[in-house]
């Protein structure tokens, strides 16, 4: 059964003074410990304590306090152009739906790309690479 884990952090999440939504995901090291972190979406107007939902398939599992098990991906563009679905303040309510529909879009032209030059033996390859700052491995094909 999933449990809620307190983080001690409170919303709203702000970037440059502006509240933003965020995606909460597990770290790869959590899965290696046997801890499955459930994905969560944090609304930009959420004001309560941010909690992590997680479970293990092989209890009991001891995770020392302070272990980094999850990460937040800020989503400043999550609903920039959408009008508010309700004028009612979200407040501190957690783990509930605030509307009938969720919309997530990613601008494909704005992906983080960088020029990369790879050298092996006497060969050189230059390309524009898509960056994934959370990846533990780079695959070049």
N, C-alpha and C. Protein backbone atom coordinates (compact mmCIF):
# COMPACT_ATOMS: atom_id res chain seq x y z
N UNK A 1 0.85 -1.18 0.00
CA UNK A 1 0.00 0.00 0.00
C UNK A 1 0.90 1.24 0.00
N UNK A 2 0.65 2.22 -0.87
CA UNK A 2 1.46 3.44 -0.88
C UNK A 2 1.34 4.22 0.43
N UNK A 3 2.42 4.86 0.80
CA UNK A 3 2.44 5.73 1.98
C UNK A 3 2.85 7.13 1.56
N UNK A 4 2.43 8.11 2.36
CA UNK A 4 2.83 9.50 2.12
C UNK A 4 4.03 9.82 2.99
N UNK A 5 5.06 10.40 2.39
CA UNK A 5 6.29 10.73 3.10
C UNK A 5 6.41 12.25 3.12
N UNK A 6 6.48 12.82 4.31
CA UNK A 6 6.62 14.27 4.46
C UNK A 6 8.00 14.72 4.01
N UNK A 7 8.06 15.88 3.36
CA UNK A 7 9.34 16.42 2.91
C UNK A 7 9.81 17.60 3.75
N UNK A 8 8.89 18.23 4.46
CA UNK A 8 9.24 19.45 5.19
C UNK A 8 9.24 20.68 4.30
N UNK A 9 8.96 20.51 3.02
CA UNK A 9 8.92 21.63 2.08
C UNK A 9 7.47 22.01 1.82
N UNK A 10 7.22 23.31 1.70
CA UNK A 10 5.85 23.79 1.46
C UNK A 10 5.78 24.55 0.15
N UNK A 11 4.62 24.46 -0.49
CA UNK A 11 4.36 25.22 -1.70
C UNK A 11 3.93 26.62 -1.35
N UNK A 12 3.86 27.51 -2.30
CA UNK A 12 4.04 27.24 -3.72
C UNK A 12 5.52 27.16 -4.10
N UNK A 13 5.78 26.48 -5.21
CA UNK A 13 7.13 26.41 -5.78
C UNK A 13 7.28 27.64 -6.67
N UNK A 14 8.34 28.41 -6.46
CA UNK A 14 8.51 29.65 -7.22
C UNK A 14 9.83 29.65 -7.99
N UNK A 15 9.79 30.19 -9.19
CA UNK A 15 10.98 30.46 -9.99
C UNK A 15 10.95 31.94 -10.32
N UNK A 16 12.00 32.64 -9.94
CA UNK A 16 12.07 34.10 -10.14
C UNK A 16 10.84 34.80 -9.57
N UNK A 17 10.39 34.35 -8.41
CA UNK A 17 9.26 34.98 -7.74
C UNK A 17 7.89 34.61 -8.28
N UNK A 18 7.83 33.77 -9.31
CA UNK A 18 6.55 33.38 -9.90
C UNK A 18 6.23 31.93 -9.53
N UNK A 19 5.00 31.66 -9.06
CA UNK A 19 4.64 30.27 -8.75
C UNK A 19 4.56 29.43 -10.01
N UNK A 20 5.04 28.19 -9.92
CA UNK A 20 5.01 27.27 -11.06
C UNK A 20 4.51 25.91 -10.58
N UNK A 21 3.97 25.14 -11.50
CA UNK A 21 3.63 23.76 -11.22
C UNK A 21 4.90 22.92 -11.28
N UNK A 22 4.81 21.69 -10.83
CA UNK A 22 5.99 20.82 -10.87
C UNK A 22 5.55 19.36 -10.94
N UNK A 23 6.43 18.57 -11.52
CA UNK A 23 6.24 17.13 -11.58
C UNK A 23 7.19 16.51 -10.56
N UNK A 24 6.67 15.67 -9.68
CA UNK A 24 7.50 15.01 -8.68
C UNK A 24 7.73 13.58 -9.16
N UNK A 25 8.99 13.21 -9.33
CA UNK A 25 9.33 11.86 -9.80
C UNK A 25 10.40 11.27 -8.89
N UNK A 26 10.53 9.96 -8.94
CA UNK A 26 11.55 9.27 -8.15
C UNK A 26 12.92 9.38 -8.78
N UNK A 27 13.93 9.28 -7.95
CA UNK A 27 15.31 9.24 -8.44
C UNK A 27 15.64 7.79 -8.80
N UNK A 28 16.56 7.61 -9.73
CA UNK A 28 16.92 6.25 -10.13
C UNK A 28 17.49 5.47 -8.95
N UNK A 29 18.16 6.15 -8.04
CA UNK A 29 18.72 5.46 -6.88
C UNK A 29 17.63 4.91 -5.96
N UNK A 30 16.46 5.52 -5.96
CA UNK A 30 15.35 5.02 -5.14
C UNK A 30 14.89 3.66 -5.63
N UNK A 31 14.76 3.53 -6.93
CA UNK A 31 14.34 2.25 -7.50
C UNK A 31 15.37 1.16 -7.18
N UNK A 32 16.64 1.52 -7.18
CA UNK A 32 17.68 0.54 -6.87
C UNK A 32 17.60 0.08 -5.41
N UNK A 33 17.04 0.93 -4.54
CA UNK A 33 16.84 0.56 -3.14
C UNK A 33 15.60 -0.31 -2.95
N UNK A 34 14.77 -0.40 -4.00
CA UNK A 34 13.51 -1.14 -3.90
C UNK A 34 12.34 -0.26 -3.53
N UNK A 35 12.52 1.06 -3.64
CA UNK A 35 11.47 2.01 -3.31
C UNK A 35 10.90 2.59 -4.60
N UNK A 36 9.61 2.42 -4.80
CA UNK A 36 8.94 2.96 -5.99
C UNK A 36 8.25 4.26 -5.61
N UNK A 37 8.70 5.36 -6.19
CA UNK A 37 8.09 6.67 -5.96
C UNK A 37 7.04 6.88 -7.04
N UNK A 38 5.82 7.17 -6.62
CA UNK A 38 4.73 7.41 -7.56
C UNK A 38 4.82 8.84 -8.08
N UNK A 39 4.57 9.01 -9.35
CA UNK A 39 4.63 10.33 -9.97
C UNK A 39 3.51 11.19 -9.42
N UNK A 40 3.82 12.45 -9.15
CA UNK A 40 2.81 13.39 -8.65
C UNK A 40 2.91 14.72 -9.37
N UNK A 41 1.78 15.37 -9.54
CA UNK A 41 1.73 16.69 -10.15
C UNK A 41 1.36 17.70 -9.08
N UNK A 42 2.18 18.73 -8.94
CA UNK A 42 1.95 19.76 -7.93
C UNK A 42 1.47 21.01 -8.64
N UNK A 43 0.27 21.47 -8.28
CA UNK A 43 -0.29 22.67 -8.90
C UNK A 43 0.49 23.90 -8.48
N UNK A 44 0.49 24.92 -9.34
CA UNK A 44 1.27 26.12 -9.04
C UNK A 44 0.70 26.91 -7.87
N UNK A 45 -0.58 26.70 -7.52
CA UNK A 45 -1.15 27.43 -6.39
C UNK A 45 -1.24 26.58 -5.11
N UNK A 46 -0.59 25.41 -5.10
CA UNK A 46 -0.61 24.55 -3.91
C UNK A 46 0.22 25.19 -2.80
N UNK A 47 -0.36 25.27 -1.58
CA UNK A 47 0.31 25.95 -0.47
C UNK A 47 0.66 25.04 0.70
N UNK A 48 0.32 23.79 0.63
CA UNK A 48 0.58 22.88 1.75
C UNK A 48 1.96 22.26 1.69
N UNK A 49 2.17 21.27 2.56
CA UNK A 49 3.44 20.55 2.56
C UNK A 49 3.49 19.60 1.37
N UNK A 50 4.60 19.60 0.66
CA UNK A 50 4.80 18.69 -0.46
C UNK A 50 5.13 17.32 0.12
N UNK A 51 4.38 16.31 -0.30
CA UNK A 51 4.58 14.95 0.19
C UNK A 51 4.89 14.02 -0.97
N UNK A 52 5.60 12.96 -0.68
CA UNK A 52 5.98 11.97 -1.68
C UNK A 52 5.15 10.72 -1.44
N UNK A 53 4.55 10.19 -2.50
CA UNK A 53 3.83 8.91 -2.39
C UNK A 53 4.78 7.81 -2.87
N UNK A 54 4.96 6.78 -2.05
CA UNK A 54 5.89 5.71 -2.41
C UNK A 54 5.42 4.38 -1.83
N UNK A 55 5.95 3.31 -2.40
CA UNK A 55 5.68 1.98 -1.86
C UNK A 55 6.84 1.05 -2.23
N UNK A 56 6.90 -0.06 -1.53
CA UNK A 56 7.90 -1.08 -1.82
C UNK A 56 7.19 -2.41 -2.02
N UNK A 57 7.70 -3.21 -2.92
CA UNK A 57 7.12 -4.52 -3.17
C UNK A 57 7.61 -5.56 -2.17
N UNK A 58 8.68 -5.22 -1.44
CA UNK A 58 9.29 -6.18 -0.51
C UNK A 58 9.50 -5.54 0.86
N UNK A 59 8.40 -5.30 1.61
CA UNK A 59 8.56 -4.70 2.93
C UNK A 59 9.16 -5.70 3.91
N UNK A 60 9.73 -5.26 5.00
CA UNK A 60 9.93 -3.86 5.34
C UNK A 60 11.17 -3.29 4.65
N UNK A 61 11.16 -1.99 4.45
CA UNK A 61 12.29 -1.29 3.82
C UNK A 61 12.62 -0.09 4.70
N UNK A 62 13.88 0.02 5.10
CA UNK A 62 14.32 1.15 5.92
C UNK A 62 15.07 2.13 5.03
N UNK A 63 14.59 3.37 5.01
CA UNK A 63 15.26 4.45 4.28
C UNK A 63 15.64 5.50 5.31
N UNK A 64 16.94 5.75 5.51
CA UNK A 64 17.36 6.73 6.52
C UNK A 64 16.81 8.13 6.24
N UNK A 65 16.48 8.85 7.30
CA UNK A 65 16.00 10.22 7.17
C UNK A 65 17.04 11.04 6.41
N UNK A 66 16.57 11.88 5.50
CA UNK A 66 17.46 12.73 4.72
C UNK A 66 17.90 12.11 3.40
N UNK A 67 17.55 10.83 3.17
CA UNK A 67 17.90 10.19 1.91
C UNK A 67 17.12 10.85 0.78
N UNK A 68 17.79 11.18 -0.30
CA UNK A 68 17.13 11.81 -1.44
C UNK A 68 16.46 10.72 -2.27
N UNK A 69 15.13 10.74 -2.28
CA UNK A 69 14.39 9.69 -2.98
C UNK A 69 13.57 10.22 -4.15
N UNK A 70 13.40 11.54 -4.23
CA UNK A 70 12.56 12.11 -5.29
C UNK A 70 13.15 13.42 -5.76
N UNK A 71 12.64 13.89 -6.89
CA UNK A 71 13.09 15.16 -7.44
C UNK A 71 11.91 15.88 -8.07
N UNK A 72 12.00 17.21 -8.10
CA UNK A 72 10.95 18.03 -8.70
C UNK A 72 11.42 18.56 -10.05
N UNK A 73 10.54 18.48 -11.03
CA UNK A 73 10.80 19.07 -12.33
C UNK A 73 9.85 20.25 -12.47
N UNK A 74 10.35 21.48 -12.39
CA UNK A 74 9.46 22.64 -12.50
C UNK A 74 8.83 22.70 -13.89
N UNK A 75 7.58 23.11 -13.93
CA UNK A 75 6.84 23.21 -15.19
C UNK A 75 6.26 24.62 -15.31
N UNK A 76 7.11 25.60 -15.61
CA UNK A 76 6.62 26.98 -15.66
C UNK A 76 5.61 27.21 -16.78
N UNK A 77 5.63 26.39 -17.81
CA UNK A 77 4.73 26.58 -18.95
C UNK A 77 3.49 25.69 -18.85
N UNK A 78 3.28 25.04 -17.72
CA UNK A 78 2.21 24.04 -17.59
C UNK A 78 0.85 24.61 -17.97
N UNK A 79 0.52 25.78 -17.51
CA UNK A 79 -0.81 26.33 -17.80
C UNK A 79 -0.75 27.84 -17.97
N UNK A 80 0.32 28.35 -18.55
CA UNK A 80 0.47 29.79 -18.70
C UNK A 80 -0.70 30.44 -19.42
N UNK A 81 -1.14 29.83 -20.50
CA UNK A 81 -2.16 30.47 -21.33
C UNK A 81 -3.58 30.03 -21.01
N UNK A 82 -3.76 29.18 -20.00
CA UNK A 82 -5.10 28.71 -19.67
C UNK A 82 -5.73 29.62 -18.62
N UNK A 83 -7.03 29.94 -18.78
CA UNK A 83 -7.70 30.71 -17.73
C UNK A 83 -7.92 29.80 -16.52
N UNK A 84 -8.03 30.36 -15.32
CA UNK A 84 -8.27 29.53 -14.14
C UNK A 84 -9.58 28.77 -14.28
N UNK A 85 -9.58 27.49 -13.89
CA UNK A 85 -10.79 26.67 -13.95
C UNK A 85 -11.77 27.07 -12.85
N UNK A 86 -11.25 27.65 -11.79
CA UNK A 86 -12.08 28.03 -10.66
C UNK A 86 -11.44 29.22 -9.96
N UNK A 87 -12.26 30.08 -9.40
CA UNK A 87 -11.71 31.20 -8.63
C UNK A 87 -11.46 30.81 -7.19
N UNK A 88 -11.87 29.61 -6.81
CA UNK A 88 -11.67 29.11 -5.46
C UNK A 88 -10.19 28.81 -5.23
N UNK A 89 -9.63 29.33 -4.14
CA UNK A 89 -8.22 29.10 -3.83
C UNK A 89 -7.98 27.64 -3.50
N UNK A 90 -6.85 27.11 -3.93
CA UNK A 90 -6.50 25.70 -3.69
C UNK A 90 -6.14 25.48 -2.23
N UNK A 91 -5.32 26.38 -1.70
CA UNK A 91 -4.94 26.26 -0.30
C UNK A 91 -4.03 25.08 -0.04
N UNK A 92 -4.27 24.39 1.10
CA UNK A 92 -3.38 23.32 1.53
C UNK A 92 -3.92 21.93 1.24
N UNK A 93 -5.05 21.81 0.59
CA UNK A 93 -5.60 20.49 0.26
C UNK A 93 -4.63 19.72 -0.62
N UNK A 94 -4.44 18.46 -0.32
CA UNK A 94 -3.48 17.65 -1.09
C UNK A 94 -4.13 16.37 -1.58
N UNK A 95 -3.56 15.78 -2.61
CA UNK A 95 -3.97 14.49 -3.15
C UNK A 95 -5.44 14.49 -3.57
N UNK A 96 -5.84 15.55 -4.22
CA UNK A 96 -7.20 15.63 -4.74
C UNK A 96 -7.19 16.34 -6.07
N UNK A 97 -8.25 16.17 -6.81
CA UNK A 97 -8.34 16.81 -8.12
C UNK A 97 -8.86 18.23 -7.95
N UNK A 98 -8.27 19.16 -8.69
CA UNK A 98 -8.72 20.55 -8.63
C UNK A 98 -9.53 20.92 -9.86
N UNK A 99 -9.81 19.98 -10.70
CA UNK A 99 -10.57 20.29 -11.91
C UNK A 99 -10.90 19.03 -12.67
N UNK A 100 -11.51 19.22 -13.82
CA UNK A 100 -11.95 18.08 -14.60
C UNK A 100 -10.90 17.60 -15.57
N UNK A 101 -9.92 18.44 -15.90
CA UNK A 101 -8.98 18.07 -16.94
C UNK A 101 -7.59 18.58 -16.59
N UNK A 102 -6.59 17.81 -16.95
CA UNK A 102 -5.20 18.24 -16.81
C UNK A 102 -4.61 18.32 -18.21
N UNK A 103 -3.81 19.33 -18.45
CA UNK A 103 -3.21 19.53 -19.76
C UNK A 103 -1.72 19.70 -19.58
N UNK A 104 -0.96 18.89 -20.28
CA UNK A 104 0.49 18.97 -20.21
C UNK A 104 1.03 19.05 -21.63
N UNK A 105 1.76 20.09 -21.91
CA UNK A 105 2.36 20.23 -23.23
C UNK A 105 3.83 20.56 -23.09
N UNK A 106 4.59 20.12 -24.03
CA UNK A 106 6.02 20.41 -24.07
C UNK A 106 6.32 21.01 -25.43
N UNK A 107 6.87 22.22 -25.43
CA UNK A 107 7.26 22.84 -26.69
C UNK A 107 8.47 22.12 -27.27
N UNK A 108 8.26 21.39 -28.36
CA UNK A 108 9.33 20.56 -28.92
C UNK A 108 10.46 21.40 -29.52
N UNK A 109 10.19 22.62 -29.87
CA UNK A 109 11.24 23.48 -30.43
C UNK A 109 12.16 24.04 -29.34
N UNK A 110 11.76 23.89 -28.09
CA UNK A 110 12.52 24.47 -26.99
C UNK A 110 13.30 23.44 -26.19
N UNK A 111 13.46 22.26 -26.74
CA UNK A 111 14.23 21.24 -26.02
C UNK A 111 15.67 21.71 -25.83
N UNK A 112 16.27 21.34 -24.72
CA UNK A 112 17.66 21.77 -24.48
C UNK A 112 18.64 21.00 -25.37
N UNK A 113 19.12 21.64 -26.41
CA UNK A 113 20.07 21.01 -27.33
C UNK A 113 21.39 21.78 -27.26
N UNK A 114 22.47 21.06 -27.42
CA UNK A 114 23.80 21.66 -27.40
C UNK A 114 24.65 21.02 -28.48
N UNK A 115 25.54 21.79 -29.09
CA UNK A 115 26.48 21.18 -30.05
C UNK A 115 27.49 20.32 -29.29
N UNK A 116 27.73 19.13 -29.81
CA UNK A 116 28.64 18.18 -29.17
C UNK A 116 29.61 17.66 -30.22
N UNK A 117 30.87 17.56 -29.85
CA UNK A 117 31.88 16.97 -30.73
C UNK A 117 32.45 15.74 -30.03
N UNK A 118 32.39 14.60 -30.73
CA UNK A 118 32.87 13.34 -30.18
C UNK A 118 34.08 12.90 -31.00
N UNK A 119 35.16 12.55 -30.28
CA UNK A 119 36.37 12.08 -30.95
C UNK A 119 36.70 10.68 -30.47
N UNK A 120 36.98 9.79 -31.43
CA UNK A 120 37.38 8.43 -31.09
C UNK A 120 38.39 7.99 -32.13
N UNK A 121 39.54 7.53 -31.66
CA UNK A 121 40.67 7.23 -32.55
C UNK A 121 40.95 8.47 -33.39
N UNK A 122 40.94 8.37 -34.67
CA UNK A 122 41.19 9.54 -35.51
C UNK A 122 39.91 10.05 -36.18
N UNK A 123 38.76 9.72 -35.62
CA UNK A 123 37.49 10.14 -36.20
C UNK A 123 36.84 11.19 -35.31
N UNK A 124 36.18 12.15 -35.94
CA UNK A 124 35.48 13.22 -35.23
C UNK A 124 34.05 13.29 -35.75
N UNK A 125 33.11 13.43 -34.83
CA UNK A 125 31.70 13.56 -35.20
C UNK A 125 31.14 14.76 -34.45
N UNK A 126 30.54 15.70 -35.18
CA UNK A 126 29.89 16.86 -34.57
C UNK A 126 28.39 16.74 -34.78
N UNK A 127 27.62 16.98 -33.72
CA UNK A 127 26.17 16.87 -33.82
C UNK A 127 25.49 17.77 -32.81
N UNK A 128 24.19 17.95 -32.98
CA UNK A 128 23.38 18.69 -32.03
C UNK A 128 22.68 17.66 -31.15
N UNK A 129 23.03 17.64 -29.86
CA UNK A 129 22.53 16.60 -28.96
C UNK A 129 21.43 17.12 -28.06
N UNK A 130 20.44 16.27 -27.82
CA UNK A 130 19.37 16.57 -26.88
C UNK A 130 19.89 16.26 -25.48
N UNK A 131 19.82 17.23 -24.59
CA UNK A 131 20.34 17.05 -23.23
C UNK A 131 19.27 16.46 -22.32
N UNK A 132 19.67 15.52 -21.49
CA UNK A 132 18.83 14.95 -20.45
C UNK A 132 19.65 15.01 -19.18
N UNK A 133 19.46 16.07 -18.41
CA UNK A 133 20.32 16.30 -17.25
C UNK A 133 20.12 15.28 -16.14
N UNK A 134 19.07 14.46 -16.21
CA UNK A 134 18.86 13.46 -15.18
C UNK A 134 19.35 12.08 -15.58
N UNK A 135 19.91 11.96 -16.78
CA UNK A 135 20.34 10.65 -17.26
C UNK A 135 21.63 10.21 -16.59
N UNK A 136 21.72 8.92 -16.32
CA UNK A 136 22.94 8.36 -15.75
C UNK A 136 23.88 7.86 -16.85
N UNK A 137 23.36 7.75 -18.08
CA UNK A 137 24.13 7.20 -19.19
C UNK A 137 23.85 8.02 -20.43
N UNK A 138 24.80 8.07 -21.32
CA UNK A 138 24.59 8.70 -22.63
C UNK A 138 24.71 7.62 -23.69
N UNK A 139 23.73 7.56 -24.57
CA UNK A 139 23.73 6.59 -25.66
C UNK A 139 23.88 7.36 -26.96
N UNK A 140 24.89 7.03 -27.70
CA UNK A 140 25.14 7.69 -28.98
C UNK A 140 25.08 6.62 -30.05
N UNK A 141 24.20 6.82 -31.02
CA UNK A 141 24.05 5.80 -32.05
C UNK A 141 24.13 6.44 -33.41
